[in-house]
PDB file of N, CA and C in Angstrom:
ATOM      1  N   ASN A   1     132.010  20.421 120.268  1.00  0.00           N
ATOM      2  CA  ASN A   1     131.578  19.044 120.143  1.00  0.00           C
ATOM      3  C   ASN A   1     131.838  18.579 118.714  1.00  0.00           C
ATOM      4  N   ARG A   2     132.735  17.621 118.573  1.00  0.00           N
ATOM      5  CA  ARG A   2     133.153  17.117 117.256  1.00  0.00           C
ATOM      6  C   ARG A   2     131.976  16.538 116.481  1.00  0.00           C
ATOM      7  N   GLN A   3     131.108  15.790 117.152  1.00  0.00           N
ATOM      8  CA  GLN A   3     129.982  15.153 116.466  1.00  0.00           C
ATOM      9  C   GLN A   3     129.034  16.202 115.881  1.00  0.00           C
ATOM     10  N   ALA A   4     128.703  17.222 116.651  1.00  0.00           N
ATOM     11  CA  ALA A   4     127.822  18.284 116.159  1.00  0.00           C
ATOM     12  C   ALA A   4     128.474  19.020 115.000  1.00  0.00           C
ATOM     13  N   TRP A   5     129.766  19.249 115.085  1.00  0.00           N
ATOM     14  CA  TRP A   5     130.495  19.936 114.030  1.00  0.00           C
ATOM     15  C   TRP A   5     130.460  19.116 112.745  1.00  0.00           C
ATOM     16  N   CYS A   6     130.604  17.801 112.846  1.00  0.00           N
ATOM     17  CA  CYS A   6     130.558  16.923 111.674  1.00  0.00           C
ATOM     18  C   CYS A   6     129.170  16.913 111.042  1.00  0.00           C
ATOM     19  N   VAL A   7     128.135  16.968 111.860  1.00  0.00           N
ATOM     20  CA  VAL A   7     126.769  17.002 111.336  1.00  0.00           C
ATOM     21  C   VAL A   7     126.563  18.283 110.540  1.00  0.00           C
ATOM     22  N   MET A   8     127.057  19.404 111.066  1.00  0.00           N
ATOM     23  CA  MET A   8     126.925  20.674 110.356  1.00  0.00           C
ATOM     24  C   MET A   8     127.655  20.604 109.030  1.00  0.00           C
ATOM     25  N   SER A   9     128.843  20.026 109.026  1.00  0.00           N
ATOM     26  CA  SER A   9     129.620  19.890 107.800  1.00  0.00           C
ATOM     27  C   SER A   9     128.884  19.004 106.801  1.00  0.00           C
ATOM     28  N   SER A  10     128.300  17.921 107.293  1.00  0.00           N
ATOM     29  CA  SER A  10     127.545  17.018 106.441  1.00  0.00           C
ATOM     30  C   SER A  10     126.340  17.722 105.831  1.00  0.00           C
ATOM     31  N   GLU A  11     125.653  18.528 106.619  1.00  0.00           N
ATOM     32  CA  GLU A  11     124.505  19.274 106.118  1.00  0.00           C
ATOM     33  C   GLU A  11     124.927  20.286 105.061  1.00  0.00           C
ATOM     34  N   ARG A  12     126.060  20.941 105.283  1.00  0.00           N
ATOM     35  CA  ARG A  12     126.572  21.887 104.284  1.00  0.00           C
ATOM     36  C   ARG A  12     126.905  21.153 102.994  1.00  0.00           C
ATOM     37  N   LEU A  13     127.528  19.986 103.118  1.00  0.00           N
ATOM     38  CA  LEU A  13     127.885  19.199 101.943  1.00  0.00           C
ATOM     39  C   LEU A  13     126.630  18.798 101.173  1.00  0.00           C
ATOM     40  N   GLU A  14     125.610  18.364 101.886  1.00  0.00           N
ATOM     41  CA  GLU A  14     124.348  17.997 101.231  1.00  0.00           C
ATOM     42  C   GLU A  14     123.733  19.193 100.512  1.00  0.00           C
ATOM     43  N   GLY A  15     123.801  20.357 101.129  1.00  0.00           N
ATOM     44  CA  GLY A  15     123.283  21.575 100.498  1.00  0.00           C
ATOM     45  C   GLY A  15     124.048  21.935  99.241  1.00  0.00           C
ATOM     46  N   ILE A  16     125.365  21.807  99.314  1.00  0.00           N
ATOM     47  CA  ILE A  16     126.212  22.080  98.150  1.00  0.00           C
ATOM     48  C   ILE A  16     125.874  21.104  97.027  1.00  0.00           C
ATOM     49  N   GLU A  17     125.757  19.828  97.364  1.00  0.00           N
ATOM     50  CA  GLU A  17     125.441  18.817  96.358  1.00  0.00           C
ATOM     51  C   GLU A  17     124.089  19.092  95.705  1.00  0.00           C
ATOM     52  N   ALA A  18     123.119  19.515  96.488  1.00  0.00           N
ATOM     53  CA  ALA A  18     121.796  19.832  95.929  1.00  0.00           C
ATOM     54  C   ALA A  18     121.900  20.978  94.924  1.00  0.00           C
ATOM     55  N   LYS A  19     122.672  22.003  95.269  1.00  0.00           N
ATOM     56  CA  LYS A  19     122.855  23.139  94.354  1.00  0.00           C
ATOM     57  C   LYS A  19     123.576  22.708  93.081  1.00  0.00           C
ATOM     58  N   VAL A  20     124.604  21.873  93.221  1.00  0.00           N
ATOM     59  CA  VAL A  20     125.335  21.381  92.045  1.00  0.00           C
ATOM     60  C   VAL A  20     124.395  20.581  91.145  1.00  0.00           C
ATOM     61  N   ASN A  21     123.580  19.728  91.744  1.00  0.00           N
ATOM     62  CA  ASN A  21     122.649  18.920  90.951  1.00  0.00           C
ATOM     63  C   ASN A  21     121.669  19.787  90.171  1.00  0.00           C
ATOM     64  N   VAL A  22     121.157  20.845  90.799  1.00  0.00           N
ATOM     65  CA  VAL A  22     120.228  21.754  90.120  1.00  0.00           C
ATOM     66  C   VAL A  22     120.940  22.449  88.954  1.00  0.00           C
ATOM     67  N   LEU A  23     122.155  22.939  89.200  1.00  0.00           N
ATOM     68  CA  LEU A  23     122.911  23.607  88.139  1.00  0.00           C
ATOM     69  C   LEU A  23     123.228  22.650  86.993  1.00  0.00           C
ATOM     70  N   VAL A  24     123.674  21.449  87.314  1.00  0.00           N
ATOM     71  CA  VAL A  24     124.014  20.470  86.281  1.00  0.00           C
ATOM     72  C   VAL A  24     122.784  20.164  85.427  1.00  0.00           C
ATOM     73  N   GLN A  25     121.644  19.982  86.062  1.00  0.00           N
ATOM     74  CA  GLN A  25     120.414  19.699  85.303  1.00  0.00           C
ATOM     75  C   GLN A  25     120.058  20.868  84.385  1.00  0.00           C
ATOM     76  N   ALA A  26     120.175  22.089  84.899  1.00  0.00           N
ATOM     77  CA  ALA A  26     119.874  23.279  84.091  1.00  0.00           C
ATOM     78  C   ALA A  26     120.836  23.392  82.907  1.00  0.00           C
ATOM     79  N   ILE A  27     122.106  23.119  83.143  1.00  0.00           N
ATOM     80  CA  ILE A  27     123.114  23.184  82.081  1.00  0.00           C
ATOM     81  C   ILE A  27     122.827  22.121  81.026  1.00  0.00           C
ATOM     82  N   GLN A  28     122.554  20.901  81.472  1.00  0.00           N
ATOM     83  CA  GLN A  28     122.261  19.815  80.533  1.00  0.00           C
ATOM     84  C   GLN A  28     121.037  20.141  79.686  1.00  0.00           C
ATOM     85  N   ASP A  29     120.007  20.654  80.315  1.00  0.00           N
ATOM     86  CA  ASP A  29     118.787  21.007  79.587  1.00  0.00           C
ATOM     87  C   ASP A  29     119.060  22.091  78.545  1.00  0.00           C
ATOM     88  N   GLU A  30     119.792  23.114  78.955  1.00  0.00           N
ATOM     89  CA  GLU A  30     120.069  24.216  78.027  1.00  0.00           C
ATOM     90  C   GLU A  30     120.959  23.748  76.874  1.00  0.00           C
ATOM     91  N   LEU A  31     121.972  22.948  77.179  1.00  0.00           N
ATOM     92  CA  LEU A  31     122.852  22.434  76.122  1.00  0.00           C
ATOM     93  C   LEU A  31     122.110  21.526  75.151  1.00  0.00           C
ATOM     94  N   SER A  32     121.231  20.705  75.672  1.00  0.00           N
ATOM     95  CA  SER A  32     120.558  19.703  74.840  1.00  0.00           C
ATOM     96  C   SER A  32     119.345  20.240  74.092  1.00  0.00           C
ATOM     97  N   TYR A  33     118.583  21.102  74.735  1.00  0.00           N
ATOM     98  CA  TYR A  33     117.300  21.488  74.164  1.00  0.00           C
ATOM     99  C   TYR A  33     117.214  22.933  73.712  1.00  0.00           C
ATOM    100  N   GLN A  34     117.817  23.847  74.449  1.00  0.00           N
ATOM    101  CA  GLN A  34     117.653  25.261  74.129  1.00  0.00           C
ATOM    102  C   GLN A  34     118.722  25.784  73.179  1.00  0.00           C
ATOM    103  N   LEU A  35     119.985  25.502  73.462  1.00  0.00           N
ATOM    104  CA  LEU A  35     121.081  26.044  72.657  1.00  0.00           C
ATOM    105  C   LEU A  35     120.997  25.638  71.183  1.00  0.00           C
ATOM    106  N   PRO A  36     120.685  24.386  70.864  1.00  0.00           N
ATOM    107  CA  PRO A  36     120.629  24.013  69.442  1.00  0.00           C
ATOM    108  C   PRO A  36     119.597  24.807  68.629  1.00  0.00           C
ATOM    109  N   ARG A  37     118.619  25.395  69.285  1.00  0.00           N
ATOM    110  CA  ARG A  37     117.561  26.135  68.590  1.00  0.00           C
ATOM    111  C   ARG A  37     117.847  27.625  68.472  1.00  0.00           C
ATOM    112  N   LYS A  38     118.981  28.057  69.004  1.00  0.00           N
ATOM    113  CA  LYS A  38     119.290  29.486  69.013  1.00  0.00           C
ATOM    114  C   LYS A  38     120.356  29.815  67.983  1.00  0.00           C
ATOM    115  N   ASN A  39     120.320  31.070  67.533  1.00  0.00           N
ATOM    116  CA  ASN A  39     121.295  31.571  66.557  1.00  0.00           C
ATOM    117  C   ASN A  39     121.765  32.950  66.966  1.00  0.00           C
ATOM    118  N   GLY A  40     122.877  33.369  66.387  1.00  0.00           N
ATOM    119  CA  GLY A  40     123.366  34.737  66.544  1.00  0.00           C
ATOM    120  C   GLY A  40     123.569  35.167  67.978  1.00  0.00           C
ATOM    121  N   ASP A  41     123.076  36.375  68.272  1.00  0.00           N
ATOM    122  CA  ASP A  41     123.276  36.960  69.597  1.00  0.00           C
ATOM    123  C   ASP A  41     122.596  36.152  70.699  1.00  0.00           C
ATOM    124  N   ASP A  42     121.433  35.586  70.407  1.00  0.00           N
ATOM    125  CA  ASP A  42     120.763  34.749  71.417  1.00  0.00           C
ATOM    126  C   ASP A  42     121.639  33.562  71.795  1.00  0.00           C
ATOM    127  N   ARG A  43     122.264  32.975  70.803  1.00  0.00           N
ATOM    128  CA  ARG A  43     123.139  31.825  71.043  1.00  0.00           C
ATOM    129  C   ARG A  43     124.356  32.249  71.861  1.00  0.00           C
ATOM    130  N   ARG A  44     124.954  33.381  71.510  1.00  0.00           N
ATOM    131  CA  ARG A  44     126.132  33.862  72.250  1.00  0.00           C
ATOM    132  C   ARG A  44     125.768  34.152  73.711  1.00  0.00           C
ATOM    133  N   ARG A  45     124.600  34.751  73.930  1.00  0.00           N
ATOM    134  CA  ARG A  45     124.171  35.021  75.312  1.00  0.00           C
ATOM    135  C   ARG A  45     123.947  33.716  76.079  1.00  0.00           C
ATOM    136  N   SER A  46     123.388  32.737  75.401  1.00  0.00           N
ATOM    137  CA  SER A  46     123.187  31.431  76.053  1.00  0.00           C
ATOM    138  C   SER A  46     124.519  30.791  76.408  1.00  0.00           C
ATOM    139  N   ILE A  47     125.471  30.887  75.508  1.00  0.00           N
ATOM    140  CA  ILE A  47     126.805  30.323  75.768  1.00  0.00           C
ATOM    141  C   ILE A  47     127.442  31.019  76.961  1.00  0.00           C
ATOM    142  N   GLN A  48     127.340  32.344  77.020  1.00  0.00           N
ATOM    143  CA  GLN A  48     127.887  33.083  78.167  1.00  0.00           C
ATOM    144  C   GLN A  48     127.196  32.674  79.459  1.00  0.00           C
ATOM    145  N   SER A  49     125.888  32.503  79.395  1.00  0.00           N
ATOM    146  CA  SER A  49     125.130  32.064  80.572  1.00  0.00           C
ATOM    147  C   SER A  49     125.575  30.674  81.011  1.00  0.00           C
ATOM    148  N   LEU A  50     125.769  29.794  80.058  1.00  0.00           N
ATOM    149  CA  LEU A  50     126.231  28.439  80.378  1.00  0.00           C
ATOM    150  C   LEU A  50     127.623  28.467  81.000  1.00  0.00           C
ATOM    151  N   GLU A  51     128.502  29.308  80.475  1.00  0.00           N
ATOM    152  CA  GLU A  51     129.842  29.430  81.053  1.00  0.00           C
ATOM    153  C   GLU A  51     129.769  29.867  82.513  1.00  0.00           C
ATOM    154  N   LYS A  52     128.895  30.841  82.795  1.00  0.00           N
ATOM    155  CA  LYS A  52     128.742  31.318  84.178  1.00  0.00           C
ATOM    156  C   LYS A  52     128.206  30.215  85.078  1.00  0.00           C
ATOM    157  N   LYS A  53     127.226  29.469  84.588  1.00  0.00           N
ATOM    158  CA  LYS A  53     126.673  28.369  85.381  1.00  0.00           C
ATOM    159  C   LYS A  53     127.727  27.296  85.636  1.00  0.00           C
ATOM    160  N   LEU A  54     128.544  27.005  84.635  1.00  0.00           N
ATOM    161  CA  LEU A  54     129.611  26.026  84.820  1.00  0.00           C
ATOM    162  C   LEU A  54     130.632  26.518  85.837  1.00  0.00           C
ATOM    163  N   ASP A  55     130.971  27.802  85.778  1.00  0.00           N
ATOM    164  CA  ASP A  55     131.899  28.374  86.765  1.00  0.00           C
ATOM    165  C   ASP A  55     131.318  28.288  88.174  1.00  0.00           C
ATOM    166  N   GLU A  56     130.030  28.596  88.286  1.00  0.00           N
ATOM    167  CA  GLU A  56     129.369  28.526  89.595  1.00  0.00           C
ATOM    168  C   GLU A  56     129.369  27.092  90.125  1.00  0.00           C
ATOM    169  N   ALA A  57     129.064  26.144  89.247  1.00  0.00           N
ATOM    170  CA  ALA A  57     129.064  24.736  89.652  1.00  0.00           C
ATOM    171  C   ALA A  57     130.462  24.303  90.082  1.00  0.00           C
ATOM    172  N   GLU A  58     131.472  24.768  89.357  1.00  0.00           N
ATOM    173  CA  GLU A  58     132.850  24.420  89.711  1.00  0.00           C
ATOM    174  C   GLU A  58     133.227  24.987  91.078  1.00  0.00           C
ATOM    175  N   GLU A  59     132.812  26.208  91.363  1.00  0.00           N
ATOM    176  CA  GLU A  59     133.076  26.804  92.678  1.00  0.00           C
ATOM    177  C   GLU A  59     132.393  25.996  93.779  1.00  0.00           C
ATOM    178  N   LEU A  60     131.169  25.560  93.514  1.00  0.00           N
ATOM    179  CA  LEU A  60     130.455  24.745  94.494  1.00  0.00           C
ATOM    180  C   LEU A  60     131.170  23.412  94.725  1.00  0.00           C
ATOM    181  N   VAL A  61     131.659  22.802  93.668  1.00  0.00           N
ATOM    182  CA  VAL A  61     132.390  21.534  93.810  1.00  0.00           C
ATOM    183  C   VAL A  61     133.662  21.762  94.630  1.00  0.00           C
ATOM    184  N   ASN A  62     134.330  22.872  94.390  1.00  0.00           N
ATOM    185  CA  ASN A  62     135.518  23.185  95.194  1.00  0.00           C
ATOM    186  C   ASN A  62     135.149  23.355  96.668  1.00  0.00           C
ATOM    187  N   SER A  63     133.999  23.942  96.946  1.00  0.00           N
ATOM    188  CA  SER A  63     133.517  24.056  98.326  1.00  0.00           C
ATOM    189  C   SER A  63     133.209  22.680  98.901  1.00  0.00           C
ATOM    190  N   ALA A  64     132.671  21.802  98.056  1.00  0.00           N
ATOM    191  CA  ALA A  64     132.369  20.437  98.500  1.00  0.00           C
ATOM    192  C   ALA A  64     133.647  19.713  98.911  1.00  0.00           C
ATOM    193  N   VAL A  65     134.726  19.939  98.183  1.00  0.00           N
ATOM    194  CA  VAL A  65     136.016  19.308  98.524  1.00  0.00           C
ATOM    195  C   VAL A  65     136.427  19.706  99.933  1.00  0.00           C
ATOM    196  N   ILE A  66     136.264  20.964 100.262  1.00  0.00           N
ATOM    197  CA  ILE A  66     136.615  21.453 101.600  1.00  0.00           C
ATOM    198  C   ILE A  66     135.746  20.775 102.650  1.00  0.00           C
ATOM    199  N   GLU A  67     134.447  20.657 102.379  1.00  0.00           N
ATOM    200  CA  GLU A  67     133.542  20.012 103.332  1.00  0.00           C
ATOM    201  C   GLU A  67     133.858  18.526 103.493  1.00  0.00           C
ATOM    202  N   VAL A  68     134.246  17.868 102.405  1.00  0.00           N
ATOM    203  CA  VAL A  68     134.595  16.442 102.480  1.00  0.00           C
ATOM    204  C   VAL A  68     135.780  16.242 103.417  1.00  0.00           C
ATOM    205  N   LYS A  69     136.738  17.140 103.355  1.00  0.00           N
ATOM    206  CA  LYS A  69     137.919  17.028 104.223  1.00  0.00           C
ATOM    207  C   LYS A  69     137.555  17.166 105.697  1.00  0.00           C
ATOM    208  N   LYS A  70     136.442  17.840 105.973  1.00  0.00           N
ATOM    209  CA  LYS A  70     135.989  18.019 107.353  1.00  0.00           C
ATOM    210  C   LYS A  70     135.171  16.825 107.848  1.00  0.00           C
ATOM    211  N   ALA A  71     134.702  16.017 106.933  1.00  0.00           N
ATOM    212  CA  ALA A  71     133.815  14.899 107.286  1.00  0.00           C
ATOM    213  C   ALA A  71     134.598  13.804 108.007  1.00  0.00           C
ATOM    214  N   PRO A  72     133.902  13.013 108.826  1.00  0.00           N
ATOM    215  CA  PRO A  72     134.568  11.879 109.470  1.00  0.00           C
ATOM    216  C   PRO A  72     135.111  10.924 108.399  1.00  0.00           C
ATOM    217  N   LEU A  73     136.202  10.283 108.712  1.00  0.00           N
ATOM    218  CA  LEU A  73     136.854   9.392 107.749  1.00  0.00           C
ATOM    219  C   LEU A  73     135.910   8.350 107.166  1.00  0.00           C
ATOM    220  N   VAL A  74     134.985   7.868 107.982  1.00  0.00           N
ATOM    221  CA  VAL A  74     134.074   6.828 107.532  1.00  0.00           C
ATOM    222  C   VAL A  74     133.209   7.313 106.357  1.00  0.00           C
ATOM    223  N   TYR A  75     132.959   8.619 106.250  1.00  0.00           N
ATOM    224  CA  TYR A  75     132.125   9.176 105.183  1.00  0.00           C
ATOM    225  C   TYR A  75     132.935   9.745 104.021  1.00  0.00           C
ATOM    226  N   GLN A  76     134.220   9.962 104.236  1.00  0.00           N
ATOM    227  CA  GLN A  76     135.028  10.632 103.225  1.00  0.00           C
ATOM    228  C   GLN A  76     135.123   9.860 101.913  1.00  0.00           C
ATOM    229  N   LYS A  77     135.216   8.549 101.972  1.00  0.00           N
ATOM    230  CA  LYS A  77     135.379   7.768 100.738  1.00  0.00           C
ATOM    231  C   LYS A  77     134.185   7.972  99.809  1.00  0.00           C
ATOM    232  N   ASP A  78     132.971   7.795 100.317  1.00  0.00           N
ATOM    233  CA  ASP A  78     131.779   7.975  99.497  1.00  0.00           C
ATOM    234  C   ASP A  78     131.647   9.415  99.008  1.00  0.00           C
ATOM    235  N   ALA A  79     131.887  10.358  99.890  1.00  0.00           N
ATOM    236  CA  ALA A  79     131.759  11.766  99.524  1.00  0.00           C
ATOM    237  C   ALA A  79     132.804  12.152  98.478  1.00  0.00           C
ATOM    238  N   THR A  80     134.008  11.645  98.629  1.00  0.00           N
ATOM    239  CA  THR A  80     135.065  11.918  97.650  1.00  0.00           C
ATOM    240  C   THR A  80     134.689  11.357  96.281  1.00  0.00           C
ATOM    241  N   ALA A  81     134.096  10.193  96.256  1.00  0.00           N
ATOM    242  CA  ALA A  81     133.651   9.592  94.987  1.00  0.00           C
ATOM    243  C   ALA A  81     132.570  10.449  94.337  1.00  0.00           C
ATOM    244  N   ARG A  82     131.642  10.971  95.133  1.00  0.00           N
ATOM    245  CA  ARG A  82     130.587  11.820  94.576  1.00  0.00           C
ATOM    246  C   ARG A  82     131.180  13.108  93.999  1.00  0.00           C
ATOM    247  N   VAL A  83     132.118  13.699  94.720  1.00  0.00           N
ATOM    248  CA  VAL A  83     132.747  14.936  94.250  1.00  0.00           C
ATOM    249  C   VAL A  83     133.518  14.665  92.952  1.00  0.00           C
ATOM    250  N   ALA A  84     134.199  13.540  92.884  1.00  0.00           N
ATOM    251  CA  ALA A  84     134.923  13.186  91.657  1.00  0.00           C
ATOM    252  C   ALA A  84     133.952  13.026  90.488  1.00  0.00           C
ATOM    253  N   GLN A  85     132.786  12.454  90.753  1.00  0.00           N
ATOM    254  CA  GLN A  85     131.770  12.317  89.695  1.00  0.00           C
ATOM    255  C   GLN A  85     131.272  13.677  89.238  1.00  0.00           C
ATOM    256  N   TYR A  86     131.087  14.612  90.167  1.00  0.00           N
ATOM    257  CA  TYR A  86     130.688  15.968  89.787  1.00  0.00           C
ATOM    258  C   TYR A  86     131.745  16.597  88.884  1.00  0.00           C
ATOM    259  N   ARG A  87     133.002  16.410  89.234  1.00  0.00           N
ATOM    260  CA  ARG A  87     134.092  16.963  88.405  1.00  0.00           C
ATOM    261  C   ARG A  87     134.062  16.370  86.997  1.00  0.00           C
ATOM    262  N   ARG A  88     133.869  15.066  86.887  1.00  0.00           N
ATOM    263  CA  ARG A  88     133.796  14.419  85.568  1.00  0.00           C
ATOM    264  C   ARG A  88     132.605  14.951  84.777  1.00  0.00           C
ATOM    265  N   THR A  89     131.493  15.112  85.440  1.00  0.00           N
ATOM    266  CA  THR A  89     130.297  15.630  84.775  1.00  0.00           C
ATOM    267  C   THR A  89     130.534  17.048  84.265  1.00  0.00           C
ATOM    268  N   LEU A  90     131.127  17.896  85.098  1.00  0.00           N
ATOM    269  CA  LEU A  90     131.400  19.273  84.675  1.00  0.00           C
ATOM    270  C   LEU A  90     132.389  19.314  83.520  1.00  0.00           C
ATOM    271  N   THR A  91     133.398  18.465  83.561  1.00  0.00           N
ATOM    272  CA  THR A  91     134.362  18.403  82.460  1.00  0.00           C
ATOM    273  C   THR A  91     133.663  18.014  81.163  1.00  0.00           C
ATOM    274  N   SER A  92     132.791  17.041  81.251  1.00  0.00           N
ATOM    275  CA  SER A  92     132.029  16.599  80.081  1.00  0.00           C
ATOM    276  C   SER A  92     131.136  17.720  79.553  1.00  0.00           C
ATOM    277  N   LEU A  93     130.464  18.433  80.444  1.00  0.00           N
ATOM    278  CA  LEU A  93     129.594  19.526  80.028  1.00  0.00           C
ATOM    279  C   LEU A  93     130.392  20.663  79.397  1.00  0.00           C
ATOM    280  N   LYS A  94     131.572  20.951  79.935  1.00  0.00           N
ATOM    281  CA  LYS A  94     132.416  21.995  79.348  1.00  0.00           C
ATOM    282  C   LYS A  94     132.859  21.602  77.946  1.00  0.00           C
ATOM    283  N   ARG A  95     133.208  20.347  77.765  1.00  0.00           N
ATOM    284  CA  ARG A  95     133.595  19.883  76.427  1.00  0.00           C
ATOM    285  C   ARG A  95     132.426  19.988  75.458  1.00  0.00           C
ATOM    286  N   GLN A  96     131.255  19.617  75.934  1.00  0.00           N
ATOM    287  CA  GLN A  96     130.060  19.704  75.100  1.00  0.00           C
ATOM    288  C   GLN A  96     129.784  21.159  74.715  1.00  0.00           C
ATOM    289  N   LEU A  97     129.969  22.072  75.649  1.00  0.00           N
ATOM    290  CA  LEU A  97     129.771  23.486  75.366  1.00  0.00           C
ATOM    291  C   LEU A  97     130.785  23.973  74.335  1.00  0.00           C
ATOM    292  N   VAL A  98     132.030  23.567  74.493  1.00  0.00           N
ATOM    293  CA  VAL A  98     133.065  23.968  73.530  1.00  0.00           C
ATOM    294  C   VAL A  98     132.704  23.453  72.139  1.00  0.00           C
ATOM    295  N   ARG A  99     132.290  22.196  72.036  1.00  0.00           N
ATOM    296  CA  ARG A  99     131.907  21.638  70.729  1.00  0.00           C
ATOM    297  C   ARG A  99     130.744  22.423  70.131  1.00  0.00           C
ATOM    298  N   SER A 100     129.759  22.738  70.936  1.00  0.00           N
ATOM    299  CA  SER A 100     128.604  23.501  70.458  1.00  0.00           C
ATOM    300  C   SER A 100     129.022  24.903  70.033  1.00  0.00           C
ATOM    301  N   SER A 101     129.931  25.487  70.781  1.00  0.00           N
ATOM    302  CA  SER A 101     130.383  26.847  70.500  1.00  0.00           C
ATOM    303  C   SER A 101     131.232  26.907  69.248  1.00  0.00           C
ATOM    304  N   VAL A 102     132.141  25.969  69.109  1.00  0.00           N
ATOM    305  CA  VAL A 102     133.033  25.941  67.952  1.00  0.00           C
ATOM    306  C   VAL A 102     132.227  25.649  66.686  1.00  0.00           C
ATOM    307  N   ALA A 103     131.245  24.788  66.795  1.00  0.00           N
ATOM    308  CA  ALA A 103     130.411  24.445  65.639  1.00  0.00           C
ATOM    309  C   ALA A 103     129.687  25.677  65.109  1.00  0.00           C
ATOM    310  N   GLU A 104     129.314  26.558  65.998  1.00  0.00           N
ATOM    311  CA  GLU A 104     128.602  27.770  65.609  1.00  0.00           C
ATOM    312  C   GLU A 104     129.574  28.880  65.236  1.00  0.00           C
ATOM    313  N   GLY A 105     130.846  28.723  65.659  1.00  0.00           N
ATOM    314  CA  GLY A 105     131.824  29.765  65.404  1.00  0.00           C
ATOM    315  C   GLY A 105     131.674  30.964  66.316  1.00  0.00           C
ATOM    316  N   SER A 106     131.023  30.772  67.432  1.00  0.00           N
ATOM    317  CA  SER A 106     130.766  31.890  68.336  1.00  0.00           C
ATOM    318  C   SER A 106     131.653  31.875  69.563  1.00  0.00           C
ATOM    319  N   PHE A 107     132.655  31.053  69.549  1.00  0.00           N
ATOM    320  CA  PHE A 107     133.512  30.913  70.720  1.00  0.00           C
ATOM    321  C   PHE A 107     134.869  31.498  70.423  1.00  0.00           C
ATOM    322  N   GLU A 108     135.304  32.443  71.216  1.00  0.00           N
ATOM    323  CA  GLU A 108     136.578  33.092  70.950  1.00  0.00           C
ATOM    324  C   GLU A 108     137.735  32.440  71.657  1.00  0.00           C
ATOM    325  N   GLU A 109     137.463  31.875  72.826  1.00  0.00           N
ATOM    326  CA  GLU A 109     138.512  31.160  73.527  1.00  0.00           C
ATOM    327  C   GLU A 109     137.919  29.980  74.241  1.00  0.00           C
ATOM    328  N   THR A 110     138.731  28.974  74.463  1.00  0.00           N
ATOM    329  CA  THR A 110     138.271  27.750  75.104  1.00  0.00           C
ATOM    330  C   THR A 110     138.190  27.980  76.607  1.00  0.00           C
ATOM    331  N   PRO A 111     137.049  27.609  77.242  1.00  0.00           N
ATOM    332  CA  PRO A 111     136.974  27.772  78.709  1.00  0.00           C
ATOM    333  C   PRO A 111     137.903  26.794  79.391  1.00  0.00           C
ATOM    334  N   ASN A 112     138.268  27.128  80.608  1.00  0.00           N
ATOM    335  CA  ASN A 112     139.117  26.217  81.381  1.00  0.00           C
ATOM    336  C   ASN A 112     138.368  24.949  81.673  1.00  0.00           C
ATOM    337  N   VAL A 113     139.021  23.823  81.460  1.00  0.00           N
ATOM    338  CA  VAL A 113     138.414  22.538  81.753  1.00  0.00           C
ATOM    339  C   VAL A 113     138.808  22.152  83.157  1.00  0.00           C
ATOM    340  N   VAL A 114     137.843  21.633  83.910  1.00  0.00           N
ATOM    341  CA  VAL A 114     138.065  21.265  85.310  1.00  0.00           C
ATOM    342  C   VAL A 114     139.204  20.288  85.417  1.00  0.00           C
TER     343      VAL A 114
END
């Protein structure tokens, strides 16, 4: 049943979006409030943690792209716009992390930008 299949896809997309939103909020909080107060090894561990969270968020966004393609055409435009916004947000957060890392001198290589 195509309709039931689309509902399942929509529910998966909503679940993915919820996870991305939680990760983005955690990343923003850590970048804005926690990372500036850390030094040395604590700072490097935070940067590594942020990189992992960004990678996880990027994987989730890639999963969202797959779910959007499964959605009925009537919903694809809005869903595609939301996914594009997630990509822009992640790109911005990665740049912010690079700036924070370079400023501290604790970054050895630049992470991949979405």
